Amino acid sequence: MFETRDFKGYFQSREVVRIGNKTIRHNWRFYICGFDGDSATILCHNKATERVPIDANNRIFVAGKWFSSRFWDH
């Protein structure tokens, strides 16, 4: 199962897996639509897109904070 949410205007989703009596909730992730040099295009909650900076360590800058690639998907 997947859950979605609005994170400060940006779309995020995460996988939730139930194994027996245990529930595993994965990290919330932004959705990257594309890359262009030192920026990435991410999906907003209203289905628009926005360009955000991406650094040499594959971190995106969203809502005043850097997020590693563990927190985005494409």
C-alpha atoms as a PDB file:
ATOM      1  CA  MET A   1       0.000   0.000   0.000  1.00  0.00           C
ATOM      2  CA  PHE A   2       1.153   3.559  -0.637  1.00  0.00           C
ATOM      3  CA  GLU A   3       0.314   6.663   1.368  1.00  0.00           C
ATOM      4  CA  THR A   4       0.543  10.191   0.017  1.00  0.00           C
ATOM      5  CA  ARG A   5       0.667  13.595   1.659  1.00  0.00           C
ATOM      6  CA  ASP A   6       1.104  17.300   1.072  1.00  0.00           C
ATOM      7  CA  PHE A   7       4.464  18.375   2.509  1.00  0.00           C
ATOM      8  CA  LYS A   8       4.574  22.184   2.409  1.00  0.00           C
ATOM      9  CA  GLY A   9       2.990  22.146  -1.061  1.00  0.00           C
ATOM     10  CA  TYR A  10       5.063  19.246  -2.426  1.00  0.00           C
ATOM     11  CA  PHE A  11       3.808  15.730  -3.181  1.00  0.00           C
ATOM     12  CA  GLN A  12       5.265  12.924  -1.085  1.00  0.00           C
ATOM     13  CA  SER A  13       4.526   9.217  -0.960  1.00  0.00           C
ATOM     14  CA  ARG A  14       5.743   6.223   0.994  1.00  0.00           C
ATOM     15  CA  GLU A  15       5.254   2.489   0.906  1.00  0.00           C
ATOM     16  CA  VAL A  16       3.626   0.801   3.879  1.00  0.00           C
ATOM     17  CA  VAL A  17       4.096  -2.974   4.122  1.00  0.00           C
ATOM     18  CA  ARG A  18       2.322  -5.256   6.550  1.00  0.00           C
ATOM     19  CA  ILE A  19       4.041  -8.557   7.350  1.00  0.00           C
ATOM     20  CA  GLY A  20       2.048 -10.598   9.841  1.00  0.00           C
ATOM     21  CA  ASN A  21       1.462  -8.347  12.836  1.00  0.00           C
ATOM     22  CA  LYS A  22       4.280  -5.973  11.891  1.00  0.00           C
ATOM     23  CA  THR A  23       3.860  -2.802   9.815  1.00  0.00           C
ATOM     24  CA  ILE A  24       6.891  -1.296   8.047  1.00  0.00           C
ATOM     25  CA  ARG A  25       6.599   2.340   6.983  1.00  0.00           C
ATOM     26  CA  HIS A  26       9.265   3.483   4.551  1.00  0.00           C
ATOM     27  CA  ASN A  27      10.605   7.062   4.307  1.00  0.00           C
ATOM     28  CA  TRP A  28       8.415   9.770   2.864  1.00  0.00           C
ATOM     29  CA  ARG A  29       9.777  10.561  -0.626  1.00  0.00           C
ATOM     30  CA  PHE A  30       9.479  13.456  -3.037  1.00  0.00           C
ATOM     31  CA  TYR A  31       8.860  12.576  -6.676  1.00  0.00           C
ATOM     32  CA  ILE A  32      11.513  13.848  -9.115  1.00  0.00           C
ATOM     33  CA  CYS A  33      10.173  14.378 -12.646  1.00  0.00           C
ATOM     34  CA  GLY A  34      13.529  15.212 -14.227  1.00  0.00           C
ATOM     35  CA  PHE A  35      17.038  16.589 -13.881  1.00  0.00           C
ATOM     36  CA  ASP A  36      18.813  19.502 -15.552  1.00  0.00           C
ATOM     37  CA  GLY A  37      22.398  20.175 -14.506  1.00  0.00           C
ATOM     38  CA  ASP A  38      22.325  21.515 -10.971  1.00  0.00           C
ATOM     39  CA  SER A  39      18.534  21.379 -10.563  1.00  0.00           C
ATOM     40  CA  ALA A  40      15.746  18.836 -10.350  1.00  0.00           C
ATOM     41  CA  THR A  41      12.083  19.179 -11.237  1.00  0.00           C
ATOM     42  CA  ILE A  42       9.818  17.880  -8.484  1.00  0.00           C
ATOM     43  CA  LEU A  43       6.092  17.246  -8.337  1.00  0.00           C
ATOM     44  CA  CYS A  44       4.001  19.631  -6.261  1.00  0.00           C
ATOM     45  CA  HIS A  45       0.909  18.451  -4.418  1.00  0.00           C
ATOM     46  CA  ASN A  46      -1.335  20.366  -6.860  1.00  0.00           C
ATOM     47  CA  LYS A  47       0.257  18.322  -9.733  1.00  0.00           C
ATOM     48  CA  ALA A  48       2.313  21.293 -10.984  1.00  0.00           C
ATOM     49  CA  THR A  49       6.108  20.972 -11.045  1.00  0.00           C
ATOM     50  CA  GLU A  50       8.862  23.131  -9.613  1.00  0.00           C
ATOM     51  CA  ARG A  51      12.621  23.301 -10.110  1.00  0.00           C
ATOM     52  CA  VAL A  52      14.772  22.936  -7.004  1.00  0.00           C
ATOM     53  CA  PRO A  53      18.565  22.876  -6.556  1.00  0.00           C
ATOM     54  CA  ILE A  54      20.405  19.548  -6.455  1.00  0.00           C
ATOM     55  CA  ASP A  55      23.991  19.356  -5.237  1.00  0.00           C
ATOM     56  CA  ALA A  56      26.976  17.112  -6.061  1.00  0.00           C
ATOM     57  CA  ASN A  57      25.902  14.757  -3.244  1.00  0.00           C
ATOM     58  CA  ASN A  58      22.487  14.176  -4.899  1.00  0.00           C
ATOM     59  CA  ARG A  59      20.651  16.180  -2.260  1.00  0.00           C
ATOM     60  CA  ILE A  60      17.670  18.315  -3.246  1.00  0.00           C
ATOM     61  CA  PHE A  61      16.831  21.588  -1.522  1.00  0.00           C
ATOM     62  CA  VAL A  62      13.124  21.713  -0.652  1.00  0.00           C
ATOM     63  CA  ALA A  63      11.332  24.046   1.775  1.00  0.00           C
ATOM     64  CA  GLY A  64      14.587  25.327   3.279  1.00  0.00           C
ATOM     65  CA  LYS A  65      16.208  21.917   3.879  1.00  0.00           C
ATOM     66  CA  TRP A  66      18.529  19.540   2.006  1.00  0.00           C
ATOM     67  CA  PHE A  67      17.180  15.992   1.460  1.00  0.00           C
ATOM     68  CA  SER A  68      19.421  13.073   0.428  1.00  0.00           C
ATOM     69  CA  SER A  69      18.446  10.590  -2.262  1.00  0.00           C
ATOM     70  CA  ARG A  70      16.898   8.396   0.460  1.00  0.00           C
ATOM     71  CA  PHE A  71      14.064  10.935   0.449  1.00  0.00           C
ATOM     72  CA  TRP A  72      13.297  11.194  -3.257  1.00  0.00           C
ATOM     73  CA  ASP A  73      12.416   8.879  -6.109  1.00  0.00           C
ATOM     74  CA  HIS A  74      12.138   9.241  -9.894  1.00  0.00           C
END
